[in-house]
């Protein structure tokens, strides 16, 4: 039997504050990431999209790099005070 901590993740998440644009429906919010990993990204947002919403995250990378946009679904959210 393997004992796993409640917040353990299968893949490592790296703390990374990357400027990003979060889009869902007709909404668009300029924001920052909190952490990034192989299977997900945590985006800081005052009013997060609802659970199971399809979103696009466009990473605003430093000069010399192209912006990169990825699509996914919201599978977890927290209120801003607890993030």
PDB file of N, CA and C in Angstrom:
ATOM      1  N   UNK A   1       0.838  -1.186   0.000  1.00  0.00           N
ATOM      2  CA  UNK A   1       0.000   0.000   0.000  1.00  0.00           C
ATOM      3  C   UNK A   1       0.878   1.242   0.000  1.00  0.00           C
ATOM      4  N   UNK A   2       0.476   2.241  -0.763  1.00  0.00           N
ATOM      5  CA  UNK A   2       1.215   3.498  -0.845  1.00  0.00           C
ATOM      6  C   UNK A   2       0.439   4.573  -0.112  1.00  0.00           C
ATOM      7  N   UNK A   3       1.110   5.279   0.772  1.00  0.00           N
ATOM      8  CA  UNK A   3       0.485   6.371   1.504  1.00  0.00           C
ATOM      9  C   UNK A   3       0.802   7.665   0.752  1.00  0.00           C
ATOM     10  N   UNK A   4      -0.225   8.344   0.249  1.00  0.00           N
ATOM     11  CA  UNK A   4      -0.037   9.561  -0.529  1.00  0.00           C
ATOM     12  C   UNK A   4      -0.660  10.730   0.204  1.00  0.00           C
ATOM     13  N   UNK A   5       0.090  11.820   0.284  1.00  0.00           N
ATOM     14  CA  UNK A   5      -0.425  13.026   0.940  1.00  0.00           C
ATOM     15  C   UNK A   5      -1.630  13.548   0.163  1.00  0.00           C
ATOM     16  N   UNK A   6      -2.590  14.196   0.840  1.00  0.00           N
ATOM     17  CA  UNK A   6      -3.806  14.672   0.176  1.00  0.00           C
ATOM     18  C   UNK A   6      -3.550  15.611  -0.997  1.00  0.00           C
ATOM     19  N   UNK A   7      -2.499  16.434  -0.952  1.00  0.00           N
ATOM     20  CA  UNK A   7      -2.228  17.388  -2.023  1.00  0.00           C
ATOM     21  C   UNK A   7      -1.136  16.912  -2.974  1.00  0.00           C
ATOM     22  N   UNK A   8      -0.767  15.636  -2.892  1.00  0.00           N
ATOM     23  CA  UNK A   8       0.278  15.119  -3.777  1.00  0.00           C
ATOM     24  C   UNK A   8      -0.217  15.110  -5.217  1.00  0.00           C
ATOM     25  N   UNK A   9       0.673  15.425  -6.128  1.00  0.00           N
ATOM     26  CA  UNK A   9       0.350  15.426  -7.552  1.00  0.00           C
ATOM     27  C   UNK A   9       1.176  14.354  -8.242  1.00  0.00           C
ATOM     28  N   UNK A  10       0.625  13.841  -9.321  1.00  0.00           N
ATOM     29  CA  UNK A  10       1.346  12.846 -10.104  1.00  0.00           C
ATOM     30  C   UNK A  10       2.529  13.486 -10.821  1.00  0.00           C
ATOM     31  N   UNK A  11       2.363  14.743 -11.282  1.00  0.00           N
ATOM     32  CA  UNK A  11       3.415  15.452 -12.005  1.00  0.00           C
ATOM     33  C   UNK A  11       3.818  16.691 -11.222  1.00  0.00           C
ATOM     34  N   UNK A  12       5.080  17.017 -11.284  1.00  0.00           N
ATOM     35  CA  UNK A  12       5.625  18.162 -10.566  1.00  0.00           C
ATOM     36  C   UNK A  12       5.062  19.452 -11.145  1.00  0.00           C
ATOM     37  N   UNK A  13       4.758  20.400 -10.263  1.00  0.00           N
ATOM     38  CA  UNK A  13       4.357  21.748 -10.672  1.00  0.00           C
ATOM     39  C   UNK A  13       5.485  22.691 -10.286  1.00  0.00           C
ATOM     40  N   UNK A  14       5.834  23.583 -11.191  1.00  0.00           N
ATOM     41  CA  UNK A  14       6.866  24.575 -10.932  1.00  0.00           C
ATOM     42  C   UNK A  14       6.222  25.932 -10.696  1.00  0.00           C
ATOM     43  N   UNK A  15       6.650  26.610  -9.632  1.00  0.00           N
ATOM     44  CA  UNK A  15       6.161  27.972  -9.381  1.00  0.00           C
ATOM     45  C   UNK A  15       6.646  28.863 -10.513  1.00  0.00           C
ATOM     46  N   UNK A  16       5.726  29.537 -11.162  1.00  0.00           N
ATOM     47  CA  UNK A  16       6.091  30.394 -12.294  1.00  0.00           C
ATOM     48  C   UNK A  16       5.054  31.488 -12.458  1.00  0.00           C
ATOM     49  N   UNK A  17       5.477  32.720 -12.323  1.00  0.00           N
ATOM     50  CA  UNK A  17       4.593  33.875 -12.545  1.00  0.00           C
ATOM     51  C   UNK A  17       4.796  34.334 -13.983  1.00  0.00           C
ATOM     52  N   UNK A  18       3.918  33.870 -14.849  1.00  0.00           N
ATOM     53  CA  UNK A  18       3.996  34.197 -16.277  1.00  0.00           C
ATOM     54  C   UNK A  18       2.755  35.009 -16.641  1.00  0.00           C
ATOM     55  N   UNK A  19       2.925  36.174 -17.251  1.00  0.00           N
ATOM     56  CA  UNK A  19       1.761  36.932 -17.711  1.00  0.00           C
ATOM     57  C   UNK A  19       0.962  36.103 -18.710  1.00  0.00           C
ATOM     58  N   UNK A  20      -0.352  36.161 -18.588  1.00  0.00           N
ATOM     59  CA  UNK A  20      -1.210  35.365 -19.468  1.00  0.00           C
ATOM     60  C   UNK A  20      -2.537  36.074 -19.691  1.00  0.00           C
ATOM     61  N   UNK A  21      -3.208  35.657 -20.753  1.00  0.00           N
ATOM     62  CA  UNK A  21      -4.573  36.104 -21.018  1.00  0.00           C
ATOM     63  C   UNK A  21      -5.449  34.861 -20.936  1.00  0.00           C
ATOM     64  N   UNK A  22      -6.465  34.911 -20.093  1.00  0.00           N
ATOM     65  CA  UNK A  22      -7.396  33.806 -19.902  1.00  0.00           C
ATOM     66  C   UNK A  22      -8.687  34.147 -20.627  1.00  0.00           C
ATOM     67  N   UNK A  23      -9.138  33.239 -21.506  1.00  0.00           N
ATOM     68  CA  UNK A  23     -10.357  33.485 -22.287  1.00  0.00           C
ATOM     69  C   UNK A  23     -11.340  32.339 -22.090  1.00  0.00           C
ATOM     70  N   UNK A  24     -12.609  32.694 -21.919  1.00  0.00           N
ATOM     71  CA  UNK A  24     -13.693  31.710 -21.927  1.00  0.00           C
ATOM     72  C   UNK A  24     -14.968  32.447 -22.312  1.00  0.00           C
ATOM     73  N   UNK A  25     -15.790  31.776 -23.112  1.00  0.00           N
ATOM     74  CA  UNK A  25     -16.995  32.443 -23.606  1.00  0.00           C
ATOM     75  C   UNK A  25     -16.610  33.742 -24.287  1.00  0.00           C
ATOM     76  N   UNK A  26     -17.245  34.825 -23.897  1.00  0.00           N
ATOM     77  CA  UNK A  26     -16.925  36.146 -24.454  1.00  0.00           C
ATOM     78  C   UNK A  26     -16.031  36.950 -23.522  1.00  0.00           C
ATOM     79  N   UNK A  27     -15.512  36.293 -22.463  1.00  0.00           N
ATOM     80  CA  UNK A  27     -14.690  36.994 -21.477  1.00  0.00           C
ATOM     81  C   UNK A  27     -13.212  36.843 -21.786  1.00  0.00           C
ATOM     82  N   UNK A  28     -12.458  37.847 -21.388  1.00  0.00           N
ATOM     83  CA  UNK A  28     -11.006  37.839 -21.544  1.00  0.00           C
ATOM     84  C   UNK A  28     -10.429  38.581 -20.347  1.00  0.00           C
ATOM     85  N   UNK A  29      -9.468  37.967 -19.662  1.00  0.00           N
ATOM     86  CA  UNK A  29      -8.889  38.546 -18.454  1.00  0.00           C
ATOM     87  C   UNK A  29      -7.369  38.473 -18.532  1.00  0.00           C
ATOM     88  N   UNK A  30      -6.698  39.595 -18.312  1.00  0.00           N
ATOM     89  CA  UNK A  30      -5.243  39.596 -18.195  1.00  0.00           C
ATOM     90  C   UNK A  30      -4.891  39.144 -16.788  1.00  0.00           C
ATOM     91  N   UNK A  31      -3.952  38.219 -16.664  1.00  0.00           N
ATOM     92  CA  UNK A  31      -3.666  37.611 -15.372  1.00  0.00           C
ATOM     93  C   UNK A  31      -2.235  37.098 -15.314  1.00  0.00           C
ATOM     94  N   UNK A  32      -1.926  36.356 -14.271  1.00  0.00           N
ATOM     95  CA  UNK A  32      -0.628  35.692 -14.100  1.00  0.00           C
ATOM     96  C   UNK A  32      -0.863  34.231 -13.756  1.00  0.00           C
ATOM     97  N   UNK A  33       0.094  33.395 -14.111  1.00  0.00           N
ATOM     98  CA  UNK A  33       0.041  32.011 -13.645  1.00  0.00           C
ATOM     99  C   UNK A  33       0.658  31.959 -12.249  1.00  0.00           C
ATOM    100  N   UNK A  34       0.316  30.932 -11.509  1.00  0.00           N
ATOM    101  CA  UNK A  34       0.912  30.692 -10.198  1.00  0.00           C
ATOM    102  C   UNK A  34       1.898  29.535 -10.291  1.00  0.00           C
ATOM    103  N   UNK A  35       1.473  28.469 -10.973  1.00  0.00           N
ATOM    104  CA  UNK A  35       2.363  27.340 -11.206  1.00  0.00           C
ATOM    105  C   UNK A  35       1.984  26.638 -12.505  1.00  0.00           C
ATOM    106  N   UNK A  36       2.965  25.931 -13.065  1.00  0.00           N
ATOM    107  CA  UNK A  36       2.790  25.259 -14.350  1.00  0.00           C
ATOM    108  C   UNK A  36       3.373  23.860 -14.257  1.00  0.00           C
ATOM    109  N   UNK A  37       2.669  22.886 -14.822  1.00  0.00           N
ATOM    110  CA  UNK A  37       3.155  21.514 -14.837  1.00  0.00           C
ATOM    111  C   UNK A  37       2.783  20.821 -16.126  1.00  0.00           C
ATOM    112  N   UNK A  38       3.164  19.567 -16.232  1.00  0.00           N
ATOM    113  CA  UNK A  38       2.921  18.791 -17.445  1.00  0.00           C
ATOM    114  C   UNK A  38       1.444  18.669 -17.779  1.00  0.00           C
ATOM    115  N   UNK A  39       0.591  18.549 -16.769  1.00  0.00           N
ATOM    116  CA  UNK A  39      -0.827  18.333 -17.018  1.00  0.00           C
ATOM    117  C   UNK A  39      -1.721  19.482 -16.591  1.00  0.00           C
ATOM    118  N   UNK A  40      -1.133  20.664 -16.336  1.00  0.00           N
ATOM    119  CA  UNK A  40      -2.005  21.754 -15.956  1.00  0.00           C
ATOM    120  C   UNK A  40      -1.269  23.023 -15.587  1.00  0.00           C
ATOM    121  N   UNK A  41      -2.065  24.052 -15.389  1.00  0.00           N
ATOM    122  CA  UNK A  41      -1.548  25.353 -14.989  1.00  0.00           C
ATOM    123  C   UNK A  41      -2.554  25.973 -14.013  1.00  0.00           C
ATOM    124  N   UNK A  42      -2.049  26.633 -12.993  1.00  0.00           N
ATOM    125  CA  UNK A  42      -2.914  27.349 -12.061  1.00  0.00           C
ATOM    126  C   UNK A  42      -2.829  28.820 -12.417  1.00  0.00           C
ATOM    127  N   UNK A  43      -3.967  29.400 -12.764  1.00  0.00           N
ATOM    128  CA  UNK A  43      -4.031  30.790 -13.196  1.00  0.00           C
ATOM    129  C   UNK A  43      -4.711  31.608 -12.102  1.00  0.00           C
ATOM    130  N   UNK A  44      -4.096  32.719 -11.733  1.00  0.00           N
ATOM    131  CA  UNK A  44      -4.670  33.606 -10.727  1.00  0.00           C
ATOM    132  C   UNK A  44      -5.758  34.452 -11.379  1.00  0.00           C
ATOM    133  N   UNK A  45      -6.923  34.486 -10.759  1.00  0.00           N
ATOM    134  CA  UNK A  45      -8.055  35.187 -11.369  1.00  0.00           C
ATOM    135  C   UNK A  45      -9.035  35.600 -10.273  1.00  0.00           C
ATOM    136  N   UNK A  46      -9.437  36.876 -10.255  1.00  0.00           N
ATOM    137  CA  UNK A  46     -10.381  37.350  -9.238  1.00  0.00           C
ATOM    138  C   UNK A  46     -11.737  36.667  -9.351  1.00  0.00           C
ATOM    139  N   UNK A  47     -12.197  36.447 -10.567  1.00  0.00           N
ATOM    140  CA  UNK A  47     -13.474  35.768 -10.800  1.00  0.00           C
ATOM    141  C   UNK A  47     -13.220  34.582 -11.728  1.00  0.00           C
ATOM    142  N   UNK A  48     -12.836  33.430 -11.159  1.00  0.00           N
ATOM    143  CA  UNK A  48     -12.481  32.288 -12.004  1.00  0.00           C
ATOM    144  C   UNK A  48     -13.674  31.744 -12.787  1.00  0.00           C
ATOM    145  N   UNK A  49     -13.395  31.152 -13.948  1.00  0.00           N
ATOM    146  CA  UNK A  49     -14.467  30.539 -14.728  1.00  0.00           C
ATOM    147  C   UNK A  49     -15.068  29.373 -13.945  1.00  0.00           C
ATOM    148  N   UNK A  50     -16.311  29.035 -14.224  1.00  0.00           N
ATOM    149  CA  UNK A  50     -16.948  27.912 -13.527  1.00  0.00           C
ATOM    150  C   UNK A  50     -16.254  26.575 -13.832  1.00  0.00           C
ATOM    151  N   UNK A  51     -16.413  25.657 -12.911  1.00  0.00           N
ATOM    152  CA  UNK A  51     -15.907  24.291 -13.063  1.00  0.00           C
ATOM    153  C   UNK A  51     -16.410  23.698 -14.376  1.00  0.00           C
ATOM    154  N   UNK A  52     -15.555  22.982 -15.086  1.00  0.00           N
ATOM    155  CA  UNK A  52     -15.845  22.302 -16.357  1.00  0.00           C
ATOM    156  C   UNK A  52     -16.047  23.258 -17.533  1.00  0.00           C
ATOM    157  N   UNK A  53     -15.577  24.495 -17.407  1.00  0.00           N
ATOM    158  CA  UNK A  53     -15.625  25.459 -18.500  1.00  0.00           C
ATOM    159  C   UNK A  53     -14.393  25.273 -19.387  1.00  0.00           C
ATOM    160  N   UNK A  54     -14.595  25.295 -20.702  1.00  0.00           N
ATOM    161  CA  UNK A  54     -13.463  25.258 -21.623  1.00  0.00           C
ATOM    162  C   UNK A  54     -12.837  26.645 -21.668  1.00  0.00           C
ATOM    163  N   UNK A  55     -11.515  26.692 -21.575  1.00  0.00           N
ATOM    164  CA  UNK A  55     -10.785  27.960 -21.541  1.00  0.00           C
ATOM    165  C   UNK A  55      -9.603  27.909 -22.509  1.00  0.00           C
ATOM    166  N   UNK A  56      -9.096  29.091 -22.811  1.00  0.00           N
ATOM    167  CA  UNK A  56      -7.840  29.219 -23.546  1.00  0.00           C
ATOM    168  C   UNK A  56      -6.937  30.090 -22.699  1.00  0.00           C
ATOM    169  N   UNK A  57      -5.686  29.669 -22.542  1.00  0.00           N
ATOM    170  CA  UNK A  57      -4.689  30.447 -21.810  1.00  0.00           C
ATOM    171  C   UNK A  57      -3.594  30.816 -22.800  1.00  0.00           C
ATOM    172  N   UNK A  58      -3.416  32.118 -23.000  1.00  0.00           N
ATOM    173  CA  UNK A  58      -2.345  32.599 -23.884  1.00  0.00           C
ATOM    174  C   UNK A  58      -1.224  33.152 -23.020  1.00  0.00           C
ATOM    175  N   UNK A  59      -0.077  32.512 -23.089  1.00  0.00           N
ATOM    176  CA  UNK A  59       1.085  32.926 -22.304  1.00  0.00           C
ATOM    177  C   UNK A  59       1.797  34.060 -23.031  1.00  0.00           C
ATOM    178  N   UNK A  60       2.029  35.148 -22.319  1.00  0.00           N
ATOM    179  CA  UNK A  60       2.724  36.312 -22.873  1.00  0.00           C
ATOM    180  C   UNK A  60       4.203  36.179 -22.499  1.00  0.00           C
ATOM    181  N   UNK A  61       4.985  35.652 -23.414  1.00  0.00           N
ATOM    182  CA  UNK A  61       6.386  35.336 -23.149  1.00  0.00           C
ATOM    183  C   UNK A  61       7.277  36.549 -23.411  1.00  0.00           C
ATOM    184  N   UNK A  62       8.519  36.518 -22.879  1.00  0.00           N
ATOM    185  CA  UNK A  62       9.430  37.653 -23.058  1.00  0.00           C
ATOM    186  C   UNK A  62       9.717  37.949 -24.530  1.00  0.00           C
ATOM    187  N   UNK A  63      10.228  39.148 -24.774  1.00  0.00           N
ATOM    188  CA  UNK A  63      10.578  39.556 -26.144  1.00  0.00           C
ATOM    189  C   UNK A  63      11.470  38.502 -26.787  1.00  0.00           C
ATOM    190  N   UNK A  64      11.223  38.256 -28.052  1.00  0.00           N
ATOM    191  CA  UNK A  64      12.009  37.261 -28.769  1.00  0.00           C
ATOM    192  C   UNK A  64      11.323  35.904 -28.852  1.00  0.00           C
ATOM    193  N   UNK A  65      10.272  35.706 -28.046  1.00  0.00           N
ATOM    194  CA  UNK A  65       9.519  34.450 -28.060  1.00  0.00           C
ATOM    195  C   UNK A  65       8.104  34.718 -28.542  1.00  0.00           C
ATOM    196  N   UNK A  66       7.552  33.797 -29.298  1.00  0.00           N
ATOM    197  CA  UNK A  66       6.164  33.927 -29.732  1.00  0.00           C
ATOM    198  C   UNK A  66       5.224  33.629 -28.573  1.00  0.00           C
ATOM    199  N   UNK A  67       4.078  34.286 -28.562  1.00  0.00           N
ATOM    200  CA  UNK A  67       3.045  33.947 -27.575  1.00  0.00           C
ATOM    201  C   UNK A  67       2.582  32.522 -27.857  1.00  0.00           C
ATOM    202  N   UNK A  68       2.184  31.815 -26.807  1.00  0.00           N
ATOM    203  CA  UNK A  68       1.732  30.435 -26.946  1.00  0.00           C
ATOM    204  C   UNK A  68       0.372  30.313 -26.285  1.00  0.00           C
ATOM    205  N   UNK A  69      -0.598  29.759 -26.997  1.00  0.00           N
ATOM    206  CA  UNK A  69      -1.948  29.594 -26.456  1.00  0.00           C
ATOM    207  C   UNK A  69      -2.266  28.105 -26.349  1.00  0.00           C
ATOM    208  N   UNK A  70      -2.833  27.717 -25.219  1.00  0.00           N
ATOM    209  CA  UNK A  70      -3.247  26.339 -24.981  1.00  0.00           C
ATOM    210  C   UNK A  70      -4.710  26.329 -24.562  1.00  0.00           C
ATOM    211  N   UNK A  71      -5.390  25.252 -24.884  1.00  0.00           N
ATOM    212  CA  UNK A  71      -6.799  25.110 -24.504  1.00  0.00           C
ATOM    213  C   UNK A  71      -6.933  23.985 -23.490  1.00  0.00           C
ATOM    214  N   UNK A  72      -7.909  24.144 -22.618  1.00  0.00           N
ATOM    215  CA  UNK A  72      -8.152  23.125 -21.612  1.00  0.00           C
ATOM    216  C   UNK A  72      -9.493  23.350 -20.943  1.00  0.00           C
ATOM    217  N   UNK A  73      -9.690  22.631 -19.842  1.00  0.00           N
ATOM    218  CA  UNK A  73     -10.937  22.719 -19.091  1.00  0.00           C
ATOM    219  C   UNK A  73     -10.616  22.989 -17.628  1.00  0.00           C
ATOM    220  N   UNK A  74     -11.439  23.809 -17.010  1.00  0.00           N
ATOM    221  CA  UNK A  74     -11.289  24.081 -15.576  1.00  0.00           C
ATOM    222  C   UNK A  74     -11.714  22.822 -14.825  1.00  0.00           C
ATOM    223  N   UNK A  75     -10.786  22.256 -14.051  1.00  0.00           N
ATOM    224  CA  UNK A  75     -11.108  21.061 -13.277  1.00  0.00           C
ATOM    225  C   UNK A  75     -10.987  21.299 -11.775  1.00  0.00           C
ATOM    226  N   UNK A  76     -10.433  22.433 -11.392  1.00  0.00           N
ATOM    227  CA  UNK A  76     -10.305  22.760  -9.968  1.00  0.00           C
ATOM    228  C   UNK A  76     -10.237  24.273  -9.847  1.00  0.00           C
ATOM    229  N   UNK A  77     -10.827  24.787  -8.822  1.00  0.00           N
ATOM    230  CA  UNK A  77     -10.772  26.224  -8.574  1.00  0.00           C
ATOM    231  C   UNK A  77     -10.808  26.501  -7.094  1.00  0.00           C
ATOM    232  N   UNK A  78     -10.238  27.639  -6.718  1.00  0.00           N
ATOM    233  CA  UNK A  78     -10.302  28.080  -5.328  1.00  0.00           C
ATOM    234  C   UNK A  78     -10.696  29.553  -5.329  1.00  0.00           C
ATOM    235  N   UNK A  79     -11.201  30.005  -4.229  1.00  0.00           N
ATOM    236  CA  UNK A  79     -11.508  31.424  -4.096  1.00  0.00           C
ATOM    237  C   UNK A  79     -10.205  32.184  -3.972  1.00  0.00           C
ATOM    238  N   UNK A  80     -10.113  33.414  -4.502  1.00  0.00           N
ATOM    239  CA  UNK A  80      -8.860  34.173  -4.500  1.00  0.00           C
ATOM    240  C   UNK A  80      -8.197  34.259  -3.128  1.00  0.00           C
ATOM    241  N   UNK A  81      -8.948  34.368  -2.053  1.00  0.00           N
ATOM    242  CA  UNK A  81      -8.357  34.481  -0.719  1.00  0.00           C
ATOM    243  C   UNK A  81      -7.586  33.224  -0.317  1.00  0.00           C
ATOM    244  N   UNK A  82      -7.957  32.049  -0.850  1.00  0.00           N
ATOM    245  CA  UNK A  82      -7.292  30.810  -0.454  1.00  0.00           C
ATOM    246  C   UNK A  82      -6.251  30.354  -1.467  1.00  0.00           C
ATOM    247  N   UNK A  83      -6.066  31.097  -2.549  1.00  0.00           N
ATOM    248  CA  UNK A  83      -5.088  30.712  -3.567  1.00  0.00           C
ATOM    249  C   UNK A  83      -3.771  31.179  -3.127  1.00  0.00           C
TER     250      UNK A  83
END
